[in-house]
Amino acid sequence: MAEVTVFDGAGCIGGNKVHLSFADERGKSRGVFFDFGMNYSKMERYYEEFLRPRSNRGIHDLLAMGIVPPLACYRHDLIPEDVDRSIARRVTVDALLISHAHMDHVGHAALLDTGIPFACTPMTAAILKSLRDCSKGDVQYDCPYSSIRTPVEKEPRCVSSSRRYMGRDLLLTDECSSGLRELYSSTPSSRSGSSRSTYIPGAIGGLEDLDMEVQCFPVDHSVYGAVAFSVNTEEGWVVYSGDLRLHGRNGDETRRFAKEARGLEPRLLIVEGTRASREDRDESEEMVEENCLRAVSEERGLVVADFGPRNVGGWRRSDASPPPPAGSL
């Protein structure tokens, strides 16, 4: 019997950790997670910008604060000696299906055991790899590769980063370009010729390596590479939308997903409902652009604009010309 467990993300924005378990045609137990994001509401109860979980305590603080659920699928090198593993729930995880590269959907994915492959689009993989290469070691960006932690010799309740880096296997929804393979095959330190660290890159494959029927559908969102997923179980298709929108300039992709998903006659649809109850749904990217232009044109002084760091979906993917240069408004 197929079973869906929402470990996080219900009744709040983000933090999605949705587990699907089912039996395949041979009766073997299978399981996948749809996203494994950071729940900012839970994080903000205890932490802020300059107050973070103690990195030398691994996953301890996140478990103690109830920020992540007690599961038996986390990286062993992040689990200190004083964490009670007996209360961890065992779940089958053949893969993590990542809908897009926003941290509220993927920010805690790096906590998962390195033997669990991540399935995503090539664009999402490139974004996650770039974020990791530019980070200062925050575990939330450790999706593509991680520094292996080791117990501190005189204090086994603490872990420390080593100079050994372990990559994670990727299962891509589309063909992998040579540029992405090159990006994914090394770390910044190995590219600079450093001999002080070692890096074992993960393998790159396709969704067919999952040995289960999985489909993905491009959707419009405020970051490139966003998709919805569907998984076929013994009780029918289970569809997970991730984040999507209709008012974006690539809204036709979302409409196409809705049409194709309907054709599957899914047994279950798991969909985001952040703004489902709002009545003013006639917004569009064009309206946002017009409002911004009006506000800037009416201002006679300095205008300072702030944007999401990965909100780069402001022009059509089909456009032959690049986006307008900064300051062209």
C-alpha atoms as a PDB file:
ATOM      1  CA  MET A   1       0.000   0.000   0.000  1.00  0.00           C
ATOM      2  CA  ALA A   2       1.330   3.436  -0.948  1.00  0.00           C
ATOM      3  CA  GLU A   3       1.734   5.853   1.953  1.00  0.00           C
ATOM      4  CA  VAL A   4       2.517   9.574   2.070  1.00  0.00           C
ATOM      5  CA  THR A   5       4.027  11.121   5.198  1.00  0.00           C
ATOM      6  CA  VAL A   6       4.437  14.886   5.501  1.00  0.00           C
ATOM      7  CA  PHE A   7       7.343  15.240   7.916  1.00  0.00           C
ATOM      8  CA  ASP A   8       7.377  19.019   7.493  1.00  0.00           C
ATOM      9  CA  GLY A   9       5.884  21.762   5.346  1.00  0.00           C
ATOM     10  CA  ALA A  10       2.199  21.433   6.274  1.00  0.00           C
ATOM     11  CA  GLY A  11       0.486  24.556   7.570  1.00  0.00           C
ATOM     12  CA  CYS A  12       3.497  26.766   6.868  1.00  0.00           C
ATOM     13  CA  ILE A  13       5.528  28.208   4.010  1.00  0.00           C
ATOM     14  CA  GLY A  14       8.419  25.993   2.917  1.00  0.00           C
ATOM     15  CA  GLY A  15      10.280  23.346   4.850  1.00  0.00           C
ATOM     16  CA  ASN A  16       8.808  20.661   2.594  1.00  0.00           C
ATOM     17  CA  LYS A  17       9.780  17.115   3.560  1.00  0.00           C
ATOM     18  CA  VAL A  18       7.228  14.801   1.955  1.00  0.00           C
ATOM     19  CA  HIS A  19       7.938  11.070   1.924  1.00  0.00           C
ATOM     20  CA  LEU A  20       6.263   8.568  -0.405  1.00  0.00           C
ATOM     21  CA  SER A  21       6.584   4.834   0.302  1.00  0.00           C
ATOM     22  CA  PHE A  22       5.197   2.068  -1.865  1.00  0.00           C
ATOM     23  CA  ALA A  23       5.918  -1.429  -3.132  1.00  0.00           C
ATOM     24  CA  ASP A  24       7.146  -2.015  -6.672  1.00  0.00           C
ATOM     25  CA  GLU A  25       5.871  -4.719  -8.997  1.00  0.00           C
ATOM     26  CA  ARG A  26       8.219  -7.234  -7.378  1.00  0.00           C
ATOM     27  CA  GLY A  27       6.881  -6.409  -3.916  1.00  0.00           C
ATOM     28  CA  LYS A  28      10.071  -4.592  -2.904  1.00  0.00           C
ATOM     29  CA  SER A  29       9.680  -1.625  -0.567  1.00  0.00           C
ATOM     30  CA  ARG A  30      10.530   1.655  -2.305  1.00  0.00           C
ATOM     31  CA  GLY A  31      10.574   5.228  -1.118  1.00  0.00           C
ATOM     32  CA  VAL A  32      11.391   8.778  -2.184  1.00  0.00           C
ATOM     33  CA  PHE A  33      11.354  12.208  -0.604  1.00  0.00           C
ATOM     34  CA  PHE A  34       9.807  15.126  -2.429  1.00  0.00           C
ATOM     35  CA  ASP A  35      12.116  17.986  -1.372  1.00  0.00           C
ATOM     36  CA  PHE A  36      13.883  18.313   1.960  1.00  0.00           C
ATOM     37  CA  GLY A  37      13.791  22.008   2.727  1.00  0.00           C
ATOM     38  CA  MET A  38      14.636  24.305   5.600  1.00  0.00           C
ATOM     39  CA  ASN A  39      11.661  25.417   7.679  1.00  0.00           C
ATOM     40  CA  TYR A  40      12.429  29.080   8.304  1.00  0.00           C
ATOM     41  CA  SER A  41       9.589  29.458  10.802  1.00  0.00           C
ATOM     42  CA  LYS A  42      11.139  26.802  13.034  1.00  0.00           C
ATOM     43  CA  MET A  43      14.645  28.170  12.542  1.00  0.00           C
ATOM     44  CA  GLU A  44      13.574  31.687  13.519  1.00  0.00           C
ATOM     45  CA  ARG A  45      12.245  30.466  16.873  1.00  0.00           C
ATOM     46  CA  TYR A  46      15.810  29.883  18.022  1.00  0.00           C
ATOM     47  CA  TYR A  47      18.219  31.441  15.537  1.00  0.00           C
ATOM     48  CA  GLU A  48      18.836  34.575  13.506  1.00  0.00           C
ATOM     49  CA  GLU A  49      21.404  35.866  11.042  1.00  0.00           C
ATOM     50  CA  PHE A  50      24.403  35.773  13.392  1.00  0.00           C
ATOM     51  CA  LEU A  51      23.144  33.047  15.705  1.00  0.00           C
ATOM     52  CA  ARG A  52      23.276  29.675  13.996  1.00  0.00           C
ATOM     53  CA  PRO A  53      23.267  26.001  15.079  1.00  0.00           C
ATOM     54  CA  ARG A  54      26.681  24.987  16.361  1.00  0.00           C
ATOM     55  CA  SER A  55      28.578  23.538  13.397  1.00  0.00           C
ATOM     56  CA  ASN A  56      30.779  21.377  15.643  1.00  0.00           C
ATOM     57  CA  ARG A  57      27.695  19.586  17.005  1.00  0.00           C
ATOM     58  CA  GLY A  58      26.655  18.212  13.626  1.00  0.00           C
ATOM     59  CA  ILE A  59      22.923  17.552  13.438  1.00  0.00           C
ATOM     60  CA  HIS A  60      22.482  17.546  17.238  1.00  0.00           C
ATOM     61  CA  ASP A  61      21.038  21.061  17.633  1.00  0.00           C
ATOM     62  CA  LEU A  62      18.602  20.683  14.743  1.00  0.00           C
ATOM     63  CA  LEU A  63      17.242  17.472  16.261  1.00  0.00           C
ATOM     64  CA  ALA A  64      17.147  18.832  19.819  1.00  0.00           C
ATOM     65  CA  MET A  65      15.174  21.907  18.716  1.00  0.00           C
ATOM     66  CA  GLY A  66      12.756  19.867  16.619  1.00  0.00           C
ATOM     67  CA  ILE A  67      13.839  21.684  13.462  1.00  0.00           C
ATOM     68  CA  VAL A  68      14.363  18.422  11.578  1.00  0.00           C
ATOM     69  CA  PRO A  69      12.468  15.167  12.223  1.00  0.00           C
ATOM     70  CA  PRO A  70      14.247  12.215  13.893  1.00  0.00           C
ATOM     71  CA  LEU A  71      14.948   9.941  10.923  1.00  0.00           C
ATOM     72  CA  ALA A  72      17.411   7.131  10.315  1.00  0.00           C
ATOM     73  CA  CYS A  73      18.519   8.444   6.919  1.00  0.00           C
ATOM     74  CA  TYR A  74      20.936  11.208   7.918  1.00  0.00           C
ATOM     75  CA  ARG A  75      24.674  11.310   7.311  1.00  0.00           C
ATOM     76  CA  HIS A  76      26.462   9.280   9.984  1.00  0.00           C
ATOM     77  CA  ASP A  77      29.381  11.720  10.120  1.00  0.00           C
ATOM     78  CA  LEU A  78      26.985  14.470  11.307  1.00  0.00           C
ATOM     79  CA  ILE A  79      25.634  12.452  14.236  1.00  0.00           C
ATOM     80  CA  PRO A  80      27.590  13.053  17.483  1.00  0.00           C
ATOM     81  CA  GLU A  81      27.963  10.432  20.180  1.00  0.00           C
ATOM     82  CA  ASP A  82      25.228  11.850  22.427  1.00  0.00           C
ATOM     83  CA  VAL A  83      22.403  11.728  19.848  1.00  0.00           C
ATOM     84  CA  ASP A  84      19.868   9.017  20.681  1.00  0.00           C
ATOM     85  CA  ARG A  85      19.586   7.014  17.461  1.00  0.00           C
ATOM     86  CA  SER A  86      17.028   4.587  18.888  1.00  0.00           C
ATOM     87  CA  ILE A  87      14.166   7.082  18.427  1.00  0.00           C
ATOM     88  CA  ALA A  88      14.944   7.681  14.762  1.00  0.00           C
ATOM     89  CA  ARG A  89      12.232   6.509  12.390  1.00  0.00           C
ATOM     90  CA  ARG A  90      13.417   4.227   9.614  1.00  0.00           C
ATOM     91  CA  VAL A  91      12.241   5.166   6.137  1.00  0.00           C
ATOM     92  CA  THR A  92      13.209   3.802   2.740  1.00  0.00           C
ATOM     93  CA  VAL A  93      14.804   6.535   0.632  1.00  0.00           C
ATOM     94  CA  ASP A  94      15.872   5.534  -2.868  1.00  0.00           C
ATOM     95  CA  ALA A  95      16.248   9.171  -3.916  1.00  0.00           C
ATOM     96  CA  LEU A  96      15.430  12.771  -3.104  1.00  0.00           C
ATOM     97  CA  LEU A  97      13.380  14.439  -5.847  1.00  0.00           C
ATOM     98  CA  ILE A  98      14.280  18.156  -5.798  1.00  0.00           C
ATOM     99  CA  SER A  99      11.703  20.479  -7.307  1.00  0.00           C
ATOM    100  CA  HIS A 100      13.913  23.600  -7.363  1.00  0.00           C
ATOM    101  CA  ALA A 101      16.911  25.279  -5.770  1.00  0.00           C
ATOM    102  CA  HIS A 102      15.276  27.478  -3.123  1.00  0.00           C
ATOM    103  CA  MET A 103      16.503  26.751   0.392  1.00  0.00           C
ATOM    104  CA  ASP A 104      12.996  26.250   1.798  1.00  0.00           C
ATOM    105  CA  HIS A 105      12.823  23.209  -0.481  1.00  0.00           C
ATOM    106  CA  VAL A 106      16.410  21.958  -0.429  1.00  0.00           C
ATOM    107  CA  GLY A 107      18.124  23.657   2.538  1.00  0.00           C
ATOM    108  CA  HIS A 108      18.308  20.523   4.715  1.00  0.00           C
ATOM    109  CA  ALA A 109      18.906  18.033   1.909  1.00  0.00           C
ATOM    110  CA  ALA A 110      22.631  17.954   2.654  1.00  0.00           C
ATOM    111  CA  LEU A 111      21.838  16.261   5.981  1.00  0.00           C
ATOM    112  CA  LEU A 112      20.690  13.134   4.140  1.00  0.00           C
ATOM    113  CA  ASP A 113      22.976  10.123   3.847  1.00  0.00           C
ATOM    114  CA  THR A 114      25.474  10.557   1.023  1.00  0.00           C
ATOM    115  CA  GLY A 115      24.338   7.239  -0.446  1.00  0.00           C
ATOM    116  CA  ILE A 116      20.975   8.815  -1.340  1.00  0.00           C
ATOM    117  CA  PRO A 117      21.098  10.274  -4.868  1.00  0.00           C
ATOM    118  CA  PHE A 118      19.473  13.586  -5.699  1.00  0.00           C
ATOM    119  CA  ALA A 119      17.190  13.814  -8.738  1.00  0.00           C
ATOM    120  CA  CYS A 120      16.782  17.266 -10.294  1.00  0.00           C
ATOM    121  CA  THR A 121      17.094  19.239 -13.511  1.00  0.00           C
ATOM    122  CA  PRO A 122      20.555  20.098 -14.887  1.00  0.00           C
ATOM    123  CA  MET A 123      19.822  23.779 -14.150  1.00  0.00           C
ATOM    124  CA  THR A 124      19.020  23.023 -10.501  1.00  0.00           C
ATOM    125  CA  ALA A 125      22.203  20.946 -10.250  1.00  0.00           C
ATOM    126  CA  ALA A 126      24.270  23.817 -11.650  1.00  0.00           C
ATOM    127  CA  ILE A 127      22.723  26.311  -9.207  1.00  0.00           C
ATOM    128  CA  LEU A 128      23.297  24.022  -6.206  1.00  0.00           C
ATOM    129  CA  LYS A 129      26.894  23.333  -7.250  1.00  0.00           C
ATOM    130  CA  SER A 130      27.605  27.048  -7.699  1.00  0.00           C
ATOM    131  CA  LEU A 131      26.097  27.830  -4.293  1.00  0.00           C
ATOM    132  CA  ARG A 132      28.317  25.189  -2.683  1.00  0.00           C
ATOM    133  CA  ASP A 133      31.463  26.380  -4.434  1.00  0.00           C
ATOM    134  CA  CYS A 134      30.833  29.936  -3.191  1.00  0.00           C
ATOM    135  CA  SER A 135      29.773  29.069   0.359  1.00  0.00           C
ATOM    136  CA  LYS A 136      31.880  29.235   3.504  1.00  0.00           C
ATOM    137  CA  GLY A 137      31.016  25.752   4.692  1.00  0.00           C
ATOM    138  CA  ASP A 138      27.400  26.182   5.848  1.00  0.00           C
ATOM    139  CA  VAL A 139      25.890  22.693   5.733  1.00  0.00           C
ATOM    140  CA  GLN A 140      22.717  23.942   4.026  1.00  0.00           C
ATOM    141  CA  TYR A 141      24.737  24.369   0.810  1.00  0.00           C
ATOM    142  CA  ASP A 142      26.444  20.960   1.009  1.00  0.00           C
ATOM    143  CA  CYS A 143      24.110  19.256  -1.477  1.00  0.00           C
ATOM    144  CA  PRO A 144      26.590  18.455  -4.294  1.00  0.00           C
ATOM    145  CA  TYR A 145      29.540  17.619  -2.039  1.00  0.00           C
ATOM    146  CA  SER A 146      30.398  17.724   1.638  1.00  0.00           C
ATOM    147  CA  SER A 147      33.435  17.907   3.824  1.00  0.00           C
ATOM    148  CA  ILE A 148      33.485  14.635   5.774  1.00  0.00           C
ATOM    149  CA  ARG A 149      33.174  15.296   9.499  1.00  0.00           C
ATOM    150  CA  THR A 150      35.183  13.307  12.038  1.00  0.00           C
ATOM    151  CA  PRO A 151      34.737  13.005  15.829  1.00  0.00           C
ATOM    152  CA  VAL A 152      36.931  15.286  17.904  1.00  0.00           C
ATOM    153  CA  GLU A 153      39.484  13.076  19.652  1.00  0.00           C
ATOM    154  CA  LYS A 154      38.934  14.243  23.231  1.00  0.00           C
ATOM    155  CA  GLU A 155      35.298  15.301  22.842  1.00  0.00           C
ATOM    156  CA  PRO A 156      33.243  12.786  20.799  1.00  0.00           C
ATOM    157  CA  ARG A 157      30.140  14.943  21.213  1.00  0.00           C
ATOM    158  CA  CYS A 158      31.730  17.289  18.686  1.00  0.00           C
ATOM    159  CA  VAL A 159      32.687  16.801  15.039  1.00  0.00           C
ATOM    160  CA  SER A 160      35.173  18.679  12.906  1.00  0.00           C
ATOM    161  CA  SER A 161      35.528  19.176   9.176  1.00  0.00           C
ATOM    162  CA  SER A 162      38.230  17.269   7.358  1.00  0.00           C
ATOM    163  CA  ARG A 163      40.083  17.856   4.118  1.00  0.00           C
ATOM    164  CA  ARG A 164      38.212  14.993   2.494  1.00  0.00           C
ATOM    165  CA  TYR A 165      35.238  15.864   0.292  1.00  0.00           C
ATOM    166  CA  MET A 166      32.603  13.380  -0.828  1.00  0.00           C
ATOM    167  CA  GLY A 167      30.399  14.084  -3.831  1.00  0.00           C
ATOM    168  CA  ARG A 168      26.809  12.910  -4.167  1.00  0.00           C
ATOM    169  CA  ASP A 169      25.302  11.015  -7.085  1.00  0.00           C
ATOM    170  CA  LEU A 170      23.001  13.003  -9.346  1.00  0.00           C
ATOM    171  CA  LEU A 171      20.076  11.697 -11.356  1.00  0.00           C
ATOM    172  CA  LEU A 172      19.256  14.326 -13.958  1.00  0.00           C
ATOM    173  CA  THR A 173      15.942  14.840 -15.697  1.00  0.00           C
ATOM    174  CA  ASP A 174      17.649  15.801 -18.975  1.00  0.00           C
ATOM    175  CA  GLU A 175      20.920  15.144 -20.740  1.00  0.00           C
ATOM    176  CA  CYS A 176      23.949  16.454 -18.891  1.00  0.00           C
ATOM    177  CA  SER A 177      26.087  18.953 -20.792  1.00  0.00           C
ATOM    178  CA  SER A 178      29.876  18.767 -20.837  1.00  0.00           C
ATOM    179  CA  GLY A 179      29.999  22.072 -18.974  1.00  0.00           C
ATOM    180  CA  LEU A 180      27.920  20.729 -16.093  1.00  0.00           C
ATOM    181  CA  ARG A 181      30.016  17.566 -15.937  1.00  0.00           C
ATOM    182  CA  GLU A 182      33.137  19.694 -15.677  1.00  0.00           C
ATOM    183  CA  LEU A 183      31.557  21.915 -13.009  1.00  0.00           C
ATOM    184  CA  TYR A 184      30.374  18.939 -10.990  1.00  0.00           C
ATOM    185  CA  SER A 185      33.612  16.959 -11.195  1.00  0.00           C
ATOM    186  CA  SER A 186      35.745  19.231  -9.050  1.00  0.00           C
ATOM    187  CA  THR A 187      35.831  21.583  -6.082  1.00  0.00           C
ATOM    188  CA  PRO A 188      37.428  25.048  -6.126  1.00  0.00           C
ATOM    189  CA  SER A 189      40.377  23.737  -4.097  1.00  0.00           C
ATOM    190  CA  SER A 190      41.074  20.864  -6.498  1.00  0.00           C
ATOM    191  CA  ARG A 191      40.864  23.230  -9.483  1.00  0.00           C
ATOM    192  CA  SER A 192      43.486  25.440  -7.876  1.00  0.00           C
ATOM    193  CA  GLY A 193      45.861  22.500  -7.601  1.00  0.00           C
ATOM    194  CA  SER A 194      45.697  22.201  -3.830  1.00  0.00           C
ATOM    195  CA  SER A 195      47.166  18.930  -2.560  1.00  0.00           C
ATOM    196  CA  ARG A 196      45.859  19.441   0.965  1.00  0.00           C
ATOM    197  CA  SER A 197      42.365  18.148   0.153  1.00  0.00           C
ATOM    198  CA  THR A 198      40.873  15.193  -1.692  1.00  0.00           C
ATOM    199  CA  TYR A 199      37.588  15.128  -3.573  1.00  0.00           C
ATOM    200  CA  ILE A 200      35.612  12.112  -4.752  1.00  0.00           C
ATOM    201  CA  PRO A 201      32.963  13.390  -7.197  1.00  0.00           C
ATOM    202  CA  GLY A 202      29.558  11.764  -7.386  1.00  0.00           C
ATOM    203  CA  ALA A 203      28.332   9.929 -10.468  1.00  0.00           C
ATOM    204  CA  ILE A 204      25.839  11.467 -12.884  1.00  0.00           C
ATOM    205  CA  GLY A 205      22.964   9.427 -14.290  1.00  0.00           C
ATOM    206  CA  GLY A 206      19.345   9.763 -15.343  1.00  0.00           C
ATOM    207  CA  LEU A 207      15.946   9.104 -13.804  1.00  0.00           C
ATOM    208  CA  GLU A 208      15.923   5.664 -15.428  1.00  0.00           C
ATOM    209  CA  ASP A 209      18.579   4.627 -12.895  1.00  0.00           C
ATOM    210  CA  LEU A 210      15.920   4.842 -10.187  1.00  0.00           C
ATOM    211  CA  ASP A 211      14.268   1.674 -11.507  1.00  0.00           C
ATOM    212  CA  MET A 212      10.836   3.188 -10.845  1.00  0.00           C
ATOM    213  CA  GLU A 213       8.468   5.149 -13.039  1.00  0.00           C
ATOM    214  CA  VAL A 214       9.099   8.842 -12.433  1.00  0.00           C
ATOM    215  CA  GLN A 215       8.102  11.763 -14.633  1.00  0.00           C
ATOM    216  CA  CYS A 216       9.005  15.433 -14.321  1.00  0.00           C
ATOM    217  CA  PHE A 217       7.262  18.508 -15.706  1.00  0.00           C
ATOM    218  CA  PRO A 218       8.823  21.975 -16.086  1.00  0.00           C
ATOM    219  CA  VAL A 219       6.848  24.650 -14.216  1.00  0.00           C
ATOM    220  CA  ASP A 220       7.159  28.404 -13.924  1.00  0.00           C
ATOM    221  CA  HIS A 221       8.718  29.756 -10.739  1.00  0.00           C
ATOM    222  CA  SER A 222      11.057  32.534  -9.624  1.00  0.00           C
ATOM    223  CA  VAL A 223      14.142  30.378 -10.192  1.00  0.00           C
ATOM    224  CA  TYR A 224      15.226  28.497 -13.275  1.00  0.00           C
ATOM    225  CA  GLY A 225      15.052  24.697 -13.348  1.00  0.00           C
ATOM    226  CA  ALA A 226      11.820  24.312 -11.356  1.00  0.00           C
ATOM    227  CA  VAL A 227       9.834  21.117 -11.999  1.00  0.00           C
ATOM    228  CA  ALA A 228       6.979  19.055 -10.662  1.00  0.00           C
ATOM    229  CA  PHE A 229       7.312  15.290 -10.215  1.00  0.00           C
ATOM    230  CA  SER A 230       5.039  12.280 -10.509  1.00  0.00           C
ATOM    231  CA  VAL A 231       5.750   8.758  -9.260  1.00  0.00           C
ATOM    232  CA  ASN A 232       3.804   5.681 -10.301  1.00  0.00           C
ATOM    233  CA  THR A 233       2.826   3.375  -7.425  1.00  0.00           C
ATOM    234  CA  GLU A 234       0.718   0.231  -7.172  1.00  0.00           C
ATOM    235  CA  GLU A 235      -2.250   2.454  -6.356  1.00  0.00           C
ATOM    236  CA  GLY A 236      -1.707   4.947  -9.166  1.00  0.00           C
ATOM    237  CA  TRP A 237       0.268   8.103  -9.835  1.00  0.00           C
ATOM    238  CA  VAL A 238       1.260  10.469  -7.030  1.00  0.00           C
ATOM    239  CA  VAL A 239       1.925  14.008  -8.300  1.00  0.00           C
ATOM    240  CA  TYR A 240       3.935  16.637  -6.405  1.00  0.00           C
ATOM    241  CA  SER A 241       3.855  20.197  -7.727  1.00  0.00           C
ATOM    242  CA  GLY A 242       6.691  21.856  -5.836  1.00  0.00           C
ATOM    243  CA  ASP A 243       6.370  25.649  -6.117  1.00  0.00           C
ATOM    244  CA  LEU A 244       4.670  26.980  -9.214  1.00  0.00           C
ATOM    245  CA  ARG A 245       2.887  30.032 -10.529  1.00  0.00           C
ATOM    246  CA  LEU A 246       0.720  31.037 -13.464  1.00  0.00           C
ATOM    247  CA  HIS A 247       1.468  34.766 -13.523  1.00  0.00           C
ATOM    248  CA  GLY A 248       5.100  34.404 -14.568  1.00  0.00           C
ATOM    249  CA  ARG A 249       6.328  34.870 -18.106  1.00  0.00           C
ATOM    250  CA  ASN A 250       6.662  31.115 -18.489  1.00  0.00           C
ATOM    251  CA  GLY A 251       3.217  30.409 -17.076  1.00  0.00           C
ATOM    252  CA  ASP A 252       2.427  28.218 -20.082  1.00  0.00           C
ATOM    253  CA  GLU A 253       4.756  25.598 -18.624  1.00  0.00           C
ATOM    254  CA  THR A 254       2.618  25.440 -15.491  1.00  0.00           C
ATOM    255  CA  ARG A 255      -0.532  25.129 -17.591  1.00  0.00           C
ATOM    256  CA  ARG A 256       1.090  22.338 -19.596  1.00  0.00           C
ATOM    257  CA  PHE A 257       1.998  20.513 -16.389  1.00  0.00           C
ATOM    258  CA  ALA A 258      -1.595  20.758 -15.145  1.00  0.00           C
ATOM    259  CA  LYS A 259      -2.885  19.311 -18.413  1.00  0.00           C
ATOM    260  CA  GLU A 260      -0.371  16.456 -18.528  1.00  0.00           C
ATOM    261  CA  ALA A 261      -0.775  15.639 -14.840  1.00  0.00           C
ATOM    262  CA  ARG A 262      -4.526  15.458 -15.313  1.00  0.00           C
ATOM    263  CA  GLY A 263      -3.950  12.938 -18.091  1.00  0.00           C
ATOM    264  CA  LEU A 264      -2.242  10.626 -15.589  1.00  0.00           C
ATOM    265  CA  GLU A 265      -5.466  10.489 -13.545  1.00  0.00           C
ATOM    266  CA  PRO A 266      -3.399  10.706 -10.357  1.00  0.00           C
ATOM    267  CA  ARG A 267      -4.401   8.946  -7.193  1.00  0.00           C
ATOM    268  CA  LEU A 268      -3.042  11.855  -5.168  1.00  0.00           C
ATOM    269  CA  LEU A 269      -2.012  15.439  -5.919  1.00  0.00           C
ATOM    270  CA  ILE A 270       0.306  17.178  -3.453  1.00  0.00           C
ATOM    271  CA  VAL A 271       0.293  20.877  -4.296  1.00  0.00           C
ATOM    272  CA  GLU A 272       1.536  24.109  -2.750  1.00  0.00           C
ATOM    273  CA  GLY A 273      -1.241  26.234  -1.270  1.00  0.00           C
ATOM    274  CA  THR A 274       0.608  29.321  -0.033  1.00  0.00           C
ATOM    275  CA  ARG A 275      -1.758  31.736  -1.789  1.00  0.00           C
ATOM    276  CA  ALA A 276      -4.653  29.432  -2.575  1.00  0.00           C
ATOM    277  CA  SER A 277      -7.081  31.403  -0.395  1.00  0.00           C
ATOM    278  CA  ARG A 278      -6.273  34.819  -1.847  1.00  0.00           C
ATOM    279  CA  GLU A 279      -8.915  36.464  -3.990  1.00  0.00           C
ATOM    280  CA  ASP A 280      -6.712  38.952  -5.868  1.00  0.00           C
ATOM    281  CA  ARG A 281      -5.228  36.458  -8.299  1.00  0.00           C
ATOM    282  CA  ASP A 282      -5.111  38.674 -11.368  1.00  0.00           C
ATOM    283  CA  GLU A 283      -1.463  39.646 -10.816  1.00  0.00           C
ATOM    284  CA  SER A 284       1.143  39.262 -13.551  1.00  0.00           C
ATOM    285  CA  GLU A 285       4.838  39.892 -14.036  1.00  0.00           C
ATOM    286  CA  GLU A 286       3.885  42.682 -16.445  1.00  0.00           C
ATOM    287  CA  MET A 287       1.927  44.417 -13.671  1.00  0.00           C
ATOM    288  CA  VAL A 288       4.879  44.119 -11.306  1.00  0.00           C
ATOM    289  CA  GLU A 289       7.168  45.578 -13.968  1.00  0.00           C
ATOM    290  CA  GLU A 290       4.805  48.491 -14.613  1.00  0.00           C
ATOM    291  CA  ASN A 291       4.511  49.255 -10.891  1.00  0.00           C
ATOM    292  CA  CYS A 292       8.287  49.188 -10.452  1.00  0.00           C
ATOM    293  CA  LEU A 293       8.857  51.441 -13.455  1.00  0.00           C
ATOM    294  CA  ARG A 294       6.259  53.892 -12.173  1.00  0.00           C
ATOM    295  CA  ALA A 295       7.798  54.009  -8.708  1.00  0.00           C
ATOM    296  CA  VAL A 296      11.300  54.584 -10.115  1.00  0.00           C
ATOM    297  CA  SER A 297      10.210  57.201 -12.644  1.00  0.00           C
ATOM    298  CA  GLU A 298       8.386  59.206  -9.970  1.00  0.00           C
ATOM    299  CA  GLU A 299      11.409  59.260  -7.669  1.00  0.00           C
ATOM    300  CA  ARG A 300      13.847  62.172  -8.113  1.00  0.00           C
ATOM    301  CA  GLY A 301      16.477  60.876  -5.735  1.00  0.00           C
ATOM    302  CA  LEU A 302      18.463  57.692  -5.269  1.00  0.00           C
ATOM    303  CA  VAL A 303      16.594  54.401  -5.760  1.00  0.00           C
ATOM    304  CA  VAL A 304      17.943  51.287  -4.044  1.00  0.00           C
ATOM    305  CA  ALA A 305      16.380  48.010  -5.197  1.00  0.00           C
ATOM    306  CA  ASP A 306      16.764  44.614  -3.543  1.00  0.00           C
ATOM    307  CA  PHE A 307      16.005  41.280  -5.182  1.00  0.00           C
ATOM    308  CA  GLY A 308      16.045  37.634  -4.197  1.00  0.00           C
ATOM    309  CA  PRO A 309      19.539  36.207  -4.844  1.00  0.00           C
ATOM    310  CA  ARG A 310      18.291  33.548  -7.263  1.00  0.00           C
ATOM    311  CA  ASN A 311      15.203  35.282  -8.633  1.00  0.00           C
ATOM    312  CA  VAL A 312      16.517  35.421 -12.180  1.00  0.00           C
ATOM    313  CA  GLY A 313      13.397  34.368 -14.073  1.00  0.00           C
ATOM    314  CA  GLY A 314      12.531  37.834 -15.342  1.00  0.00           C
ATOM    315  CA  TRP A 315      12.730  37.165 -19.071  1.00  0.00           C
ATOM    316  CA  ARG A 316      11.377  34.498 -21.369  1.00  0.00           C
ATOM    317  CA  ARG A 317      13.519  31.424 -21.916  1.00  0.00           C
ATOM    318  CA  SER A 318      12.609  31.540 -25.588  1.00  0.00           C
ATOM    319  CA  ASP A 319      14.013  35.045 -26.037  1.00  0.00           C
ATOM    320  CA  ALA A 320      16.969  35.158 -28.393  1.00  0.00           C
ATOM    321  CA  SER A 321      18.330  38.313 -26.757  1.00  0.00           C
ATOM    322  CA  PRO A 322      19.837  38.475 -23.247  1.00  0.00           C
ATOM    323  CA  PRO A 323      18.150  40.340 -20.407  1.00  0.00           C
ATOM    324  CA  PRO A 324      18.522  44.124 -20.287  1.00  0.00           C
ATOM    325  CA  PRO A 325      21.715  45.341 -18.568  1.00  0.00           C
ATOM    326  CA  ALA A 326      21.630  46.481 -14.976  1.00  0.00           C
ATOM    327  CA  GLY A 327      20.539  50.069 -14.636  1.00  0.00           C
ATOM    328  CA  SER A 328      18.616  50.112 -17.929  1.00  0.00           C
ATOM    329  CA  LEU A 329      15.399  51.052 -16.127  1.00  0.00           C
END
